[in-house]
């Protein structure tokens, strides 16, 4: 197919993905079917890229909530001679050291989770 046939063929395709308002257009093929297939592949690639960006943004936001734990970053004090254990992140202090050393950490874990939820709520309000 050559000559003037190229000018007479109206085979361009434009596809809009309404939920994301993503638009792709294709007019490289000779037929509308070829252009539609190519446009669908382009749309799938764009939607995949949007999903990857969204997940990366969510992951980065989650990573930002984690505190930087480096050398000297202290989380908890165990002062056994004074029979006291204090969590420096949440302010929880317990005097029953043997129970904590035996694994009774529920109070520390709950306080840490609550502070994480409160920090997440503050971040989503901003």
PDB file of N, CA and C in Angstrom:
ATOM      1  N   UNK A   1       0.856  -1.176   0.000  1.00  0.00           N
ATOM      2  CA  UNK A   1       0.000   0.000   0.000  1.00  0.00           C
ATOM      3  C   UNK A   1       0.890   1.222   0.000  1.00  0.00           C
ATOM      4  N   UNK A   2       0.827   1.936  -1.054  1.00  0.00           N
ATOM      5  CA  UNK A   2       1.646   3.138  -1.140  1.00  0.00           C
ATOM      6  C   UNK A   2       0.881   4.232  -1.826  1.00  0.00           C
ATOM      7  N   UNK A   3       1.568   5.231  -2.182  1.00  0.00           N
ATOM      8  CA  UNK A   3       0.947   6.330  -2.905  1.00  0.00           C
ATOM      9  C   UNK A   3      -0.038   7.087  -2.057  1.00  0.00           C
ATOM     10  N   UNK A   4      -1.182   7.404  -2.653  1.00  0.00           N
ATOM     11  CA  UNK A   4      -2.183   8.232  -1.988  1.00  0.00           C
ATOM     12  C   UNK A   4      -2.993   7.471  -0.934  1.00  0.00           C
ATOM     13  N   UNK A   5      -2.875   6.138  -0.867  1.00  0.00           N
ATOM     14  CA  UNK A   5      -3.656   5.356   0.093  1.00  0.00           C
ATOM     15  C   UNK A   5      -3.348   5.770   1.535  1.00  0.00           C
ATOM     16  N   UNK A   6      -2.107   6.135   1.804  1.00  0.00           N
ATOM     17  CA  UNK A   6      -1.694   6.525   3.156  1.00  0.00           C
ATOM     18  C   UNK A   6      -2.480   7.752   3.591  1.00  0.00           C
ATOM     19  N   UNK A   7      -2.727   8.664   2.701  1.00  0.00           N
ATOM     20  CA  UNK A   7      -3.429   9.892   3.056  1.00  0.00           C
ATOM     21  C   UNK A   7      -4.928   9.666   3.273  1.00  0.00           C
ATOM     22  N   UNK A   8      -5.486   8.616   2.707  1.00  0.00           N
ATOM     23  CA  UNK A   8      -6.915   8.371   2.825  1.00  0.00           C
ATOM     24  C   UNK A   8      -7.275   7.557   4.067  1.00  0.00           C
ATOM     25  N   UNK A   9      -6.319   6.840   4.649  1.00  0.00           N
ATOM     26  CA  UNK A   9      -6.609   5.965   5.782  1.00  0.00           C
ATOM     27  C   UNK A   9      -6.712   6.778   7.064  1.00  0.00           C
ATOM     28  N   UNK A  10      -7.840   6.619   7.772  1.00  0.00           N
ATOM     29  CA  UNK A  10      -8.027   7.280   9.062  1.00  0.00           C
ATOM     30  C   UNK A  10      -7.974   6.203  10.133  1.00  0.00           C
ATOM     31  N   UNK A  11      -6.772   5.921  10.608  1.00  0.00           N
ATOM     32  CA  UNK A  11      -6.609   4.790  11.517  1.00  0.00           C
ATOM     33  C   UNK A  11      -6.065   5.193  12.885  1.00  0.00           C
ATOM     34  N   UNK A  12      -5.989   6.469  13.171  1.00  0.00           N
ATOM     35  CA  UNK A  12      -5.463   6.909  14.467  1.00  0.00           C
ATOM     36  C   UNK A  12      -6.404   6.482  15.591  1.00  0.00           C
ATOM     37  N   UNK A  13      -5.813   6.146  16.747  1.00  0.00           N
ATOM     38  CA  UNK A  13      -6.587   5.692  17.904  1.00  0.00           C
ATOM     39  C   UNK A  13      -6.135   6.475  19.134  1.00  0.00           C
ATOM     40  N   UNK A  14      -7.107   6.925  19.908  1.00  0.00           N
ATOM     41  CA  UNK A  14      -6.813   7.575  21.195  1.00  0.00           C
ATOM     42  C   UNK A  14      -7.631   6.856  22.259  1.00  0.00           C
ATOM     43  N   UNK A  15      -6.944   6.404  23.329  1.00  0.00           N
ATOM     44  CA  UNK A  15      -7.610   5.682  24.419  1.00  0.00           C
ATOM     45  C   UNK A  15      -7.392   6.465  25.707  1.00  0.00           C
ATOM     46  N   UNK A  16      -8.484   6.655  26.460  1.00  0.00           N
ATOM     47  CA  UNK A  16      -8.410   7.349  27.749  1.00  0.00           C
ATOM     48  C   UNK A  16      -8.800   6.382  28.855  1.00  0.00           C
ATOM     49  N   UNK A  17      -7.918   6.246  29.838  1.00  0.00           N
ATOM     50  CA  UNK A  17      -8.224   5.444  31.032  1.00  0.00           C
ATOM     51  C   UNK A  17      -8.856   6.396  32.033  1.00  0.00           C
ATOM     52  N   UNK A  18     -10.171   6.299  32.209  1.00  0.00           N
ATOM     53  CA  UNK A  18     -10.935   7.283  32.983  1.00  0.00           C
ATOM     54  C   UNK A  18     -10.523   7.354  34.458  1.00  0.00           C
ATOM     55  N   UNK A  19     -10.315   6.228  35.180  1.00  0.00           N
ATOM     56  CA  UNK A  19      -9.965   6.350  36.602  1.00  0.00           C
ATOM     57  C   UNK A  19      -8.696   7.166  36.861  1.00  0.00           C
ATOM     58  N   UNK A  20      -7.714   7.067  35.964  1.00  0.00           N
ATOM     59  CA  UNK A  20      -6.464   7.811  36.168  1.00  0.00           C
ATOM     60  C   UNK A  20      -6.335   8.993  35.219  1.00  0.00           C
ATOM     61  N   UNK A  21      -7.287   9.136  34.302  1.00  0.00           N
ATOM     62  CA  UNK A  21      -7.255  10.202  33.302  1.00  0.00           C
ATOM     63  C   UNK A  21      -5.971  10.150  32.468  1.00  0.00           C
ATOM     64  N   UNK A  22      -5.522   8.936  32.173  1.00  0.00           N
ATOM     65  CA  UNK A  22      -4.327   8.735  31.362  1.00  0.00           C
ATOM     66  C   UNK A  22      -4.754   8.568  29.911  1.00  0.00           C
ATOM     67  N   UNK A  23      -4.106   9.303  29.017  1.00  0.00           N
ATOM     68  CA  UNK A  23      -4.461   9.275  27.601  1.00  0.00           C
ATOM     69  C   UNK A  23      -3.264   8.788  26.792  1.00  0.00           C
ATOM     70  N   UNK A  24      -3.520   7.851  25.880  1.00  0.00           N
ATOM     71  CA  UNK A  24      -2.497   7.421  24.927  1.00  0.00           C
ATOM     72  C   UNK A  24      -3.092   7.508  23.527  1.00  0.00           C
ATOM     73  N   UNK A  25      -2.236   7.795  22.570  1.00  0.00           N
ATOM     74  CA  UNK A  25      -2.670   7.882  21.175  1.00  0.00           C
ATOM     75  C   UNK A  25      -1.651   7.164  20.306  1.00  0.00           C
ATOM     76  N   UNK A  26      -2.145   6.551  19.244  1.00  0.00           N
ATOM     77  CA  UNK A  26      -1.261   5.842  18.329  1.00  0.00           C
ATOM     78  C   UNK A  26      -1.786   5.998  16.907  1.00  0.00           C
ATOM     79  N   UNK A  27      -0.876   6.308  15.981  1.00  0.00           N
ATOM     80  CA  UNK A  27      -1.253   6.397  14.573  1.00  0.00           C
ATOM     81  C   UNK A  27      -0.131   5.880  13.687  1.00  0.00           C
ATOM     82  N   UNK A  28       0.683   4.972  14.245  1.00  0.00           N
ATOM     83  CA  UNK A  28       1.832   4.485  13.486  1.00  0.00           C
ATOM     84  C   UNK A  28       1.482   3.335  12.548  1.00  0.00           C
ATOM     85  N   UNK A  29       0.466   2.551  12.880  1.00  0.00           N
ATOM     86  CA  UNK A  29       0.113   1.404  12.045  1.00  0.00           C
ATOM     87  C   UNK A  29      -0.793   1.787  10.895  1.00  0.00           C
ATOM     88  N   UNK A  30      -0.960   0.846   9.976  1.00  0.00           N
ATOM     89  CA  UNK A  30      -1.815   1.112   8.822  1.00  0.00           C
ATOM     90  C   UNK A  30      -3.281   0.943   9.166  1.00  0.00           C
ATOM     91  N   UNK A  31      -3.578   0.009  10.062  1.00  0.00           N
ATOM     92  CA  UNK A  31      -4.981  -0.247  10.357  1.00  0.00           C
ATOM     93  C   UNK A  31      -5.316   0.197  11.772  1.00  0.00           C
ATOM     94  N   UNK A  32      -6.600   0.390  11.986  1.00  0.00           N
ATOM     95  CA  UNK A  32      -7.066   0.793  13.303  1.00  0.00           C
ATOM     96  C   UNK A  32      -6.826  -0.328  14.316  1.00  0.00           C
ATOM     97  N   UNK A  33      -6.901  -1.564  13.886  1.00  0.00           N
ATOM     98  CA  UNK A  33      -6.669  -2.700  14.786  1.00  0.00           C
ATOM     99  C   UNK A  33      -5.228  -2.711  15.291  1.00  0.00           C
ATOM    100  N   UNK A  34      -4.287  -2.489  14.396  1.00  0.00           N
ATOM    101  CA  UNK A  34      -2.880  -2.431  14.805  1.00  0.00           C
ATOM    102  C   UNK A  34      -2.658  -1.282  15.786  1.00  0.00           C
ATOM    103  N   UNK A  35      -3.221  -0.128  15.457  1.00  0.00           N
ATOM    104  CA  UNK A  35      -3.037   1.037  16.324  1.00  0.00           C
ATOM    105  C   UNK A  35      -3.697   0.827  17.684  1.00  0.00           C
ATOM    106  N   UNK A  36      -4.860   0.166  17.694  1.00  0.00           N
ATOM    107  CA  UNK A  36      -5.539  -0.094  18.966  1.00  0.00           C
ATOM    108  C   UNK A  36      -4.702  -1.027  19.829  1.00  0.00           C
ATOM    109  N   UNK A  37      -4.163  -2.089  19.245  1.00  0.00           N
ATOM    110  CA  UNK A  37      -3.320  -3.020  20.001  1.00  0.00           C
ATOM    111  C   UNK A  37      -2.088  -2.311  20.567  1.00  0.00           C
ATOM    112  N   UNK A  38      -1.464  -1.490  19.736  1.00  0.00           N
ATOM    113  CA  UNK A  38      -0.286  -0.745  20.187  1.00  0.00           C
ATOM    114  C   UNK A  38      -0.657   0.233  21.298  1.00  0.00           C
ATOM    115  N   UNK A  39      -1.782   0.923  21.138  1.00  0.00           N
ATOM    116  CA  UNK A  39      -2.220   1.886  22.155  1.00  0.00           C
ATOM    117  C   UNK A  39      -2.547   1.186  23.472  1.00  0.00           C
ATOM    118  N   UNK A  40      -3.154  -0.002  23.413  1.00  0.00           N
ATOM    119  CA  UNK A  40      -3.459  -0.748  24.635  1.00  0.00           C
ATOM    120  C   UNK A  40      -2.172  -1.158  25.354  1.00  0.00           C
ATOM    121  N   UNK A  41      -1.162  -1.559  24.597  1.00  0.00           N
ATOM    122  CA  UNK A  41       0.127  -1.904  25.207  1.00  0.00           C
ATOM    123  C   UNK A  41       0.764  -0.671  25.847  1.00  0.00           C
ATOM    124  N   UNK A  42       0.667   0.468  25.155  1.00  0.00           N
ATOM    125  CA  UNK A  42       1.216   1.715  25.710  1.00  0.00           C
ATOM    126  C   UNK A  42       0.478   2.106  26.992  1.00  0.00           C
ATOM    127  N   UNK A  43      -0.848   1.951  26.979  1.00  0.00           N
ATOM    128  CA  UNK A  43      -1.657   2.282  28.154  1.00  0.00           C
ATOM    129  C   UNK A  43      -1.305   1.366  29.323  1.00  0.00           C
ATOM    130  N   UNK A  44      -1.151   0.080  29.058  1.00  0.00           N
ATOM    131  CA  UNK A  44      -0.781  -0.861  30.120  1.00  0.00           C
ATOM    132  C   UNK A  44       0.573  -0.490  30.718  1.00  0.00           C
ATOM    133  N   UNK A  45       1.515  -0.094  29.866  1.00  0.00           N
ATOM    134  CA  UNK A  45       2.837   0.297  30.361  1.00  0.00           C
ATOM    135  C   UNK A  45       2.751   1.554  31.224  1.00  0.00           C
ATOM    136  N   UNK A  46       1.942   2.528  30.797  1.00  0.00           N
ATOM    137  CA  UNK A  46       1.785   3.761  31.584  1.00  0.00           C
ATOM    138  C   UNK A  46       1.123   3.481  32.925  1.00  0.00           C
ATOM    139  N   UNK A  47       0.082   2.641  32.921  1.00  0.00           N
ATOM    140  CA  UNK A  47      -0.606   2.303  34.169  1.00  0.00           C
ATOM    141  C   UNK A  47       0.318   1.540  35.110  1.00  0.00           C
ATOM    142  N   UNK A  48       1.131   0.657  34.560  1.00  0.00           N
ATOM    143  CA  UNK A  48       2.100  -0.070  35.381  1.00  0.00           C
ATOM    144  C   UNK A  48       3.092   0.909  36.010  1.00  0.00           C
ATOM    145  N   UNK A  49       3.559   1.850  35.229  1.00  0.00           N
ATOM    146  CA  UNK A  49       4.514   2.849  35.733  1.00  0.00           C
ATOM    147  C   UNK A  49       3.886   3.705  36.830  1.00  0.00           C
ATOM    148  N   UNK A  50       2.620   4.090  36.657  1.00  0.00           N
ATOM    149  CA  UNK A  50       1.921   4.852  37.698  1.00  0.00           C
ATOM    150  C   UNK A  50       1.809   4.046  38.987  1.00  0.00           C
ATOM    151  N   UNK A  51       1.505   2.753  38.861  1.00  0.00           N
ATOM    152  CA  UNK A  51       1.380   1.896  40.048  1.00  0.00           C
ATOM    153  C   UNK A  51       2.723   1.738  40.749  1.00  0.00           C
ATOM    154  N   UNK A  52       3.790   1.592  39.977  1.00  0.00           N
ATOM    155  CA  UNK A  52       5.128   1.478  40.570  1.00  0.00           C
ATOM    156  C   UNK A  52       5.481   2.760  41.315  1.00  0.00           C
ATOM    157  N   UNK A  53       5.193   3.915  40.720  1.00  0.00           N
ATOM    158  CA  UNK A  53       5.465   5.192  41.385  1.00  0.00           C
ATOM    159  C   UNK A  53       4.658   5.321  42.668  1.00  0.00           C
ATOM    160  N   UNK A  54       3.387   4.910  42.625  1.00  0.00           N
ATOM    161  CA  UNK A  54       2.532   4.993  43.807  1.00  0.00           C
ATOM    162  C   UNK A  54       3.085   4.123  44.934  1.00  0.00           C
ATOM    163  N   UNK A  55       3.479   2.902  44.599  1.00  0.00           N
ATOM    164  CA  UNK A  55       4.028   2.000  45.618  1.00  0.00           C
ATOM    165  C   UNK A  55       5.352   2.521  46.163  1.00  0.00           C
ATOM    166  N   UNK A  56       6.185   3.086  45.299  1.00  0.00           N
ATOM    167  CA  UNK A  56       7.451   3.656  45.770  1.00  0.00           C
ATOM    168  C   UNK A  56       7.203   4.816  46.719  1.00  0.00           C
ATOM    169  N   UNK A  57       6.214   5.647  46.407  1.00  0.00           N
ATOM    170  CA  UNK A  57       5.875   6.772  47.279  1.00  0.00           C
ATOM    171  C   UNK A  57       5.394   6.274  48.635  1.00  0.00           C
ATOM    172  N   UNK A  58       4.535   5.246  48.621  1.00  0.00           N
ATOM    173  CA  UNK A  58       4.047   4.676  49.883  1.00  0.00           C
ATOM    174  C   UNK A  58       5.191   4.073  50.684  1.00  0.00           C
ATOM    175  N   UNK A  59       6.086   3.363  49.997  1.00  0.00           N
ATOM    176  CA  UNK A  59       7.221   2.747  50.686  1.00  0.00           C
ATOM    177  C   UNK A  59       8.145   3.814  51.276  1.00  0.00           C
ATOM    178  N   UNK A  60       8.390   4.883  50.511  1.00  0.00           N
ATOM    179  CA  UNK A  60       9.237   5.964  51.011  1.00  0.00           C
ATOM    180  C   UNK A  60       8.615   6.638  52.222  1.00  0.00           C
ATOM    181  N   UNK A  61       7.289   6.804  52.198  1.00  0.00           N
ATOM    182  CA  UNK A  61       6.612   7.405  53.349  1.00  0.00           C
ATOM    183  C   UNK A  61       6.742   6.505  54.568  1.00  0.00           C
ATOM    184  N   UNK A  62       6.645   5.197  54.362  1.00  0.00           N
ATOM    185  CA  UNK A  62       6.798   4.258  55.469  1.00  0.00           C
ATOM    186  C   UNK A  62       8.227   4.268  55.991  1.00  0.00           C
ATOM    187  N   UNK A  63       9.190   4.330  55.085  1.00  0.00           N
ATOM    188  CA  UNK A  63      10.595   4.374  55.498  1.00  0.00           C
ATOM    189  C   UNK A  63      10.901   5.649  56.273  1.00  0.00           C
ATOM    190  N   UNK A  64      10.237   6.742  55.915  1.00  0.00           N
ATOM    191  CA  UNK A  64      10.479   8.016  56.599  1.00  0.00           C
ATOM    192  C   UNK A  64      10.010   7.969  58.046  1.00  0.00           C
ATOM    193  N   UNK A  65       9.032   7.098  58.336  1.00  0.00           N
ATOM    194  CA  UNK A  65       8.539   7.011  59.710  1.00  0.00           C
ATOM    195  C   UNK A  65       9.500   6.258  60.612  1.00  0.00           C
ATOM    196  N   UNK A  66      10.358   5.454  60.031  1.00  0.00           N
ATOM    197  CA  UNK A  66      11.306   4.697  60.843  1.00  0.00           C
ATOM    198  C   UNK A  66      12.386   5.640  61.359  1.00  0.00           C
ATOM    199  N   UNK A  67      12.716   5.474  62.614  1.00  0.00           N
ATOM    200  CA  UNK A  67      13.749   6.334  63.183  1.00  0.00           C
ATOM    201  C   UNK A  67      15.115   5.836  62.734  1.00  0.00           C
ATOM    202  N   UNK A  68      16.049   6.744  62.695  1.00  0.00           N
ATOM    203  CA  UNK A  68      17.407   6.420  62.302  1.00  0.00           C
ATOM    204  C   UNK A  68      18.120   5.806  63.499  1.00  0.00           C
ATOM    205  N   UNK A  69      18.350   4.506  63.431  1.00  0.00           N
ATOM    206  CA  UNK A  69      19.012   3.822  64.532  1.00  0.00           C
ATOM    207  C   UNK A  69      20.471   3.644  64.146  1.00  0.00           C
ATOM    208  N   UNK A  70      21.328   4.368  64.801  1.00  0.00           N
ATOM    209  CA  UNK A  70      22.751   4.281  64.547  1.00  0.00           C
ATOM    210  C   UNK A  70      23.481   3.980  65.835  1.00  0.00           C
ATOM    211  N   UNK A  71      24.759   4.035  65.783  1.00  0.00           N
ATOM    212  CA  UNK A  71      25.561   3.794  66.968  1.00  0.00           C
ATOM    213  C   UNK A  71      25.249   4.862  68.004  1.00  0.00           C
ATOM    214  N   UNK A  72      24.875   4.439  69.182  1.00  0.00           N
ATOM    215  CA  UNK A  72      24.559   5.382  70.247  1.00  0.00           C
ATOM    216  C   UNK A  72      23.096   5.771  70.296  1.00  0.00           C
ATOM    217  N   UNK A  73      22.284   5.270  69.371  1.00  0.00           N
ATOM    218  CA  UNK A  73      20.848   5.542  69.430  1.00  0.00           C
ATOM    219  C   UNK A  73      20.242   4.595  70.454  1.00  0.00           C
ATOM    220  N   UNK A  74      19.864   5.144  71.566  1.00  0.00           N
ATOM    221  CA  UNK A  74      19.402   4.331  72.681  1.00  0.00           C
ATOM    222  C   UNK A  74      17.887   4.251  72.673  1.00  0.00           C
ATOM    223  N   UNK A  75      17.358   3.057  72.845  1.00  0.00           N
ATOM    224  CA  UNK A  75      15.920   2.854  72.853  1.00  0.00           C
ATOM    225  C   UNK A  75      15.410   2.662  74.270  1.00  0.00           C
ATOM    226  N   UNK A  76      16.125   1.873  75.053  1.00  0.00           N
ATOM    227  CA  UNK A  76      15.620   1.490  76.363  1.00  0.00           C
ATOM    228  C   UNK A  76      16.760   1.430  77.361  1.00  0.00           C
ATOM    229  N   UNK A  77      16.499   1.849  78.597  1.00  0.00           N
ATOM    230  CA  UNK A  77      17.464   1.737  79.695  1.00  0.00           C
ATOM    231  C   UNK A  77      17.079   0.579  80.592  1.00  0.00           C
ATOM    232  N   UNK A  78      18.041  -0.244  80.933  1.00  0.00           N
ATOM    233  CA  UNK A  78      17.847  -1.298  81.925  1.00  0.00           C
ATOM    234  C   UNK A  78      18.739  -0.953  83.112  1.00  0.00           C
ATOM    235  N   UNK A  79      18.166  -0.353  84.150  1.00  0.00           N
ATOM    236  CA  UNK A  79      18.923   0.013  85.347  1.00  0.00           C
ATOM    237  C   UNK A  79      18.526  -0.991  86.427  1.00  0.00           C
ATOM    238  N   UNK A  80      19.262  -2.087  86.485  1.00  0.00           N
ATOM    239  CA  UNK A  80      18.856  -3.192  87.345  1.00  0.00           C
ATOM    240  C   UNK A  80      19.155  -2.932  88.817  1.00  0.00           C
ATOM    241  N   UNK A  81      20.198  -2.155  89.110  1.00  0.00           N
ATOM    242  CA  UNK A  81      20.497  -1.910  90.520  1.00  0.00           C
ATOM    243  C   UNK A  81      19.432  -1.040  91.173  1.00  0.00           C
ATOM    244  N   UNK A  82      18.698  -0.260  90.374  1.00  0.00           N
ATOM    245  CA  UNK A  82      17.596   0.548  90.905  1.00  0.00           C
ATOM    246  C   UNK A  82      16.241  -0.095  90.584  1.00  0.00           C
ATOM    247  N   UNK A  83      16.277  -1.297  90.021  1.00  0.00           N
ATOM    248  CA  UNK A  83      15.061  -2.036  89.649  1.00  0.00           C
ATOM    249  C   UNK A  83      14.121  -1.189  88.796  1.00  0.00           C
ATOM    250  N   UNK A  84      14.646  -0.729  87.654  1.00  0.00           N
ATOM    251  CA  UNK A  84      13.860   0.163  86.813  1.00  0.00           C
ATOM    252  C   UNK A  84      14.245  -0.055  85.352  1.00  0.00           C
ATOM    253  N   UNK A  85      13.221  -0.118  84.485  1.00  0.00           N
ATOM    254  CA  UNK A  85      13.437  -0.192  83.036  1.00  0.00           C
ATOM    255  C   UNK A  85      12.594   0.901  82.400  1.00  0.00           C
ATOM    256  N   UNK A  86      13.231   1.724  81.563  1.00  0.00           N
ATOM    257  CA  UNK A  86      12.532   2.853  80.950  1.00  0.00           C
ATOM    258  C   UNK A  86      12.742   2.828  79.438  1.00  0.00           C
ATOM    259  N   UNK A  87      11.629   2.932  78.700  1.00  0.00           N
ATOM    260  CA  UNK A  87      11.670   3.034  77.244  1.00  0.00           C
ATOM    261  C   UNK A  87      11.760   4.515  76.899  1.00  0.00           C
ATOM    262  N   UNK A  88      12.859   4.918  76.267  1.00  0.00           N
ATOM    263  CA  UNK A  88      13.103   6.339  76.009  1.00  0.00           C
ATOM    264  C   UNK A  88      12.241   6.895  74.883  1.00  0.00           C
ATOM    265  N   UNK A  89      11.745   6.037  73.994  1.00  0.00           N
ATOM    266  CA  UNK A  89      10.910   6.521  72.888  1.00  0.00           C
ATOM    267  C   UNK A  89       9.508   6.873  73.348  1.00  0.00           C
ATOM    268  N   UNK A  90       8.960   6.046  74.252  1.00  0.00           N
ATOM    269  CA  UNK A  90       7.562   6.230  74.648  1.00  0.00           C
ATOM    270  C   UNK A  90       7.400   6.769  76.056  1.00  0.00           C
ATOM    271  N   UNK A  91       8.462   6.715  76.857  1.00  0.00           N
ATOM    272  CA  UNK A  91       8.384   7.208  78.227  1.00  0.00           C
ATOM    273  C   UNK A  91       7.840   6.185  79.208  1.00  0.00           C
ATOM    274  N   UNK A  92       7.596   4.957  78.769  1.00  0.00           N
ATOM    275  CA  UNK A  92       7.087   3.906  79.658  1.00  0.00           C
ATOM    276  C   UNK A  92       8.205   3.483  80.608  1.00  0.00           C
ATOM    277  N   UNK A  93       7.865   3.399  81.897  1.00  0.00           N
ATOM    278  CA  UNK A  93       8.842   2.997  82.909  1.00  0.00           C
ATOM    279  C   UNK A  93       8.236   1.885  83.759  1.00  0.00           C
ATOM    280  N   UNK A  94       9.007   0.807  83.963  1.00  0.00           N
ATOM    281  CA  UNK A  94       8.524  -0.326  84.754  1.00  0.00           C
ATOM    282  C   UNK A  94       9.541  -0.663  85.829  1.00  0.00           C
ATOM    283  N   UNK A  95       9.029  -1.145  86.954  1.00  0.00           N
ATOM    284  CA  UNK A  95       9.914  -1.502  88.064  1.00  0.00           C
ATOM    285  C   UNK A  95      10.041  -3.009  88.241  1.00  0.00           C
ATOM    286  N   UNK A  96       9.217  -3.801  87.559  1.00  0.00           N
ATOM    287  CA  UNK A  96       9.319  -5.261  87.667  1.00  0.00           C
ATOM    288  C   UNK A  96      10.288  -5.780  86.603  1.00  0.00           C
ATOM    289  N   UNK A  97      11.582  -5.599  86.872  1.00  0.00           N
ATOM    290  CA  UNK A  97      12.614  -5.881  85.875  1.00  0.00           C
ATOM    291  C   UNK A  97      12.655  -7.346  85.462  1.00  0.00           C
ATOM    292  N   UNK A  98      12.435  -8.256  86.383  1.00  0.00           N
ATOM    293  CA  UNK A  98      12.537  -9.680  86.046  1.00  0.00           C
ATOM    294  C   UNK A  98      11.473 -10.086  85.024  1.00  0.00           C
ATOM    295  N   UNK A  99      10.251  -9.562  85.156  1.00  0.00           N
ATOM    296  CA  UNK A  99       9.196  -9.875  84.183  1.00  0.00           C
ATOM    297  C   UNK A  99       9.583  -9.365  82.791  1.00  0.00           C
ATOM    298  N   UNK A 100      10.130  -8.161  82.735  1.00  0.00           N
ATOM    299  CA  UNK A 100      10.530  -7.590  81.443  1.00  0.00           C
ATOM    300  C   UNK A 100      11.655  -8.418  80.837  1.00  0.00           C
ATOM    301  N   UNK A 101      12.629  -8.792  81.660  1.00  0.00           N
ATOM    302  CA  UNK A 101      13.734  -9.607  81.160  1.00  0.00           C
ATOM    303  C   UNK A 101      13.261 -10.991  80.724  1.00  0.00           C
ATOM    304  N   UNK A 102      12.168 -11.478  81.311  1.00  0.00           N
ATOM    305  CA  UNK A 102      11.600 -12.766  80.913  1.00  0.00           C
ATOM    306  C   UNK A 102      10.737 -12.659  79.659  1.00  0.00           C
ATOM    307  N   UNK A 103      10.527 -11.439  79.139  1.00  0.00           N
ATOM    308  CA  UNK A 103       9.821 -11.277  77.868  1.00  0.00           C
ATOM    309  C   UNK A 103       8.480 -10.594  77.952  1.00  0.00           C
ATOM    310  N   UNK A 104       8.100 -10.063  79.092  1.00  0.00           N
ATOM    311  CA  UNK A 104       6.819  -9.359  79.222  1.00  0.00           C
ATOM    312  C   UNK A 104       6.982  -7.930  78.696  1.00  0.00           C
ATOM    313  N   UNK A 105       6.897  -7.787  77.374  1.00  0.00           N
ATOM    314  CA  UNK A 105       7.142  -6.496  76.720  1.00  0.00           C
ATOM    315  C   UNK A 105       5.876  -5.886  76.133  1.00  0.00           C
ATOM    316  N   UNK A 106       4.710  -6.438  76.456  1.00  0.00           N
ATOM    317  CA  UNK A 106       3.465  -5.990  75.836  1.00  0.00           C
ATOM    318  C   UNK A 106       3.228  -4.497  76.018  1.00  0.00           C
ATOM    319  N   UNK A 107       3.463  -3.980  77.200  1.00  0.00           N
ATOM    320  CA  UNK A 107       3.224  -2.558  77.465  1.00  0.00           C
ATOM    321  C   UNK A 107       4.128  -1.682  76.594  1.00  0.00           C
ATOM    322  N   UNK A 108       5.388  -2.087  76.430  1.00  0.00           N
ATOM    323  CA  UNK A 108       6.325  -1.338  75.584  1.00  0.00           C
ATOM    324  C   UNK A 108       5.895  -1.391  74.117  1.00  0.00           C
ATOM    325  N   UNK A 109       5.473  -2.571  73.672  1.00  0.00           N
ATOM    326  CA  UNK A 109       5.074  -2.747  72.274  1.00  0.00           C
ATOM    327  C   UNK A 109       3.816  -1.936  71.970  1.00  0.00           C
ATOM    328  N   UNK A 110       2.822  -2.010  72.851  1.00  0.00           N
ATOM    329  CA  UNK A 110       1.582  -1.258  72.635  1.00  0.00           C
ATOM    330  C   UNK A 110       1.846   0.240  72.588  1.00  0.00           C
ATOM    331  N   UNK A 111       2.677   0.741  73.495  1.00  0.00           N
ATOM    332  CA  UNK A 111       2.986   2.176  73.509  1.00  0.00           C
ATOM    333  C   UNK A 111       3.720   2.585  72.238  1.00  0.00           C
ATOM    334  N   UNK A 112       4.623   1.734  71.768  1.00  0.00           N
ATOM    335  CA  UNK A 112       5.362   2.036  70.540  1.00  0.00           C
ATOM    336  C   UNK A 112       4.423   2.053  69.333  1.00  0.00           C
ATOM    337  N   UNK A 113       3.502   1.078  69.272  1.00  0.00           N
ATOM    338  CA  UNK A 113       2.542   1.044  68.162  1.00  0.00           C
ATOM    339  C   UNK A 113       1.618   2.256  68.193  1.00  0.00           C
ATOM    340  N   UNK A 114       1.159   2.633  69.390  1.00  0.00           N
ATOM    341  CA  UNK A 114       0.289   3.809  69.505  1.00  0.00           C
ATOM    342  C   UNK A 114       1.013   5.068  69.058  1.00  0.00           C
ATOM    343  N   UNK A 115       2.273   5.218  69.445  1.00  0.00           N
ATOM    344  CA  UNK A 115       3.012   6.418  69.037  1.00  0.00           C
ATOM    345  C   UNK A 115       3.232   6.420  67.528  1.00  0.00           C
ATOM    346  N   UNK A 116       3.412   5.230  66.925  1.00  0.00           N
ATOM    347  CA  UNK A 116       3.544   5.137  65.471  1.00  0.00           C
ATOM    348  C   UNK A 116       2.262   5.509  64.764  1.00  0.00           C
ATOM    349  N   UNK A 117       1.111   5.083  65.308  1.00  0.00           N
ATOM    350  CA  UNK A 117      -0.182   5.432  64.715  1.00  0.00           C
ATOM    351  C   UNK A 117      -0.446   6.925  64.834  1.00  0.00           C
ATOM    352  N   UNK A 118      -0.111   7.502  65.979  1.00  0.00           N
ATOM    353  CA  UNK A 118      -0.314   8.943  66.159  1.00  0.00           C
ATOM    354  C   UNK A 118       0.566   9.738  65.207  1.00  0.00           C
ATOM    355  N   UNK A 119       1.803   9.280  65.013  1.00  0.00           N
ATOM    356  CA  UNK A 119       2.697   9.966  64.079  1.00  0.00           C
ATOM    357  C   UNK A 119       2.159   9.864  62.659  1.00  0.00           C
ATOM    358  N   UNK A 120       1.600   8.698  62.295  1.00  0.00           N
ATOM    359  CA  UNK A 120       1.013   8.525  60.961  1.00  0.00           C
ATOM    360  C   UNK A 120      -0.193   9.408  60.759  1.00  0.00           C
ATOM    361  N   UNK A 121      -1.018   9.565  61.802  1.00  0.00           N
ATOM    362  CA  UNK A 121      -2.201  10.426  61.705  1.00  0.00           C
ATOM    363  C   UNK A 121      -1.790  11.886  61.547  1.00  0.00           C
ATOM    364  N   UNK A 122      -0.760  12.299  62.258  1.00  0.00           N
ATOM    365  CA  UNK A 122      -0.284  13.681  62.135  1.00  0.00           C
ATOM    366  C   UNK A 122       0.250  13.939  60.737  1.00  0.00           C
ATOM    367  N   UNK A 123       0.961  12.929  60.180  1.00  0.00           N
ATOM    368  CA  UNK A 123       1.543  13.096  58.859  1.00  0.00           C
ATOM    369  C   UNK A 123       0.459  13.166  57.791  1.00  0.00           C
ATOM    370  N   UNK A 124      -0.623  12.381  57.953  1.00  0.00           N
ATOM    371  CA  UNK A 124      -1.692  12.393  56.952  1.00  0.00           C
ATOM    372  C   UNK A 124      -2.523  13.669  57.039  1.00  0.00           C
ATOM    373  N   UNK A 125      -2.572  14.306  58.222  1.00  0.00           N
ATOM    374  CA  UNK A 125      -3.285  15.574  58.354  1.00  0.00           C
ATOM    375  C   UNK A 125      -2.526  16.712  57.692  1.00  0.00           C
ATOM    376  N   UNK A 126      -1.209  16.609  57.641  1.00  0.00           N
ATOM    377  CA  UNK A 126      -0.382  17.698  57.104  1.00  0.00           C
ATOM    378  C   UNK A 126      -0.458  17.773  55.607  1.00  0.00           C
TER     379      UNK A 126
END
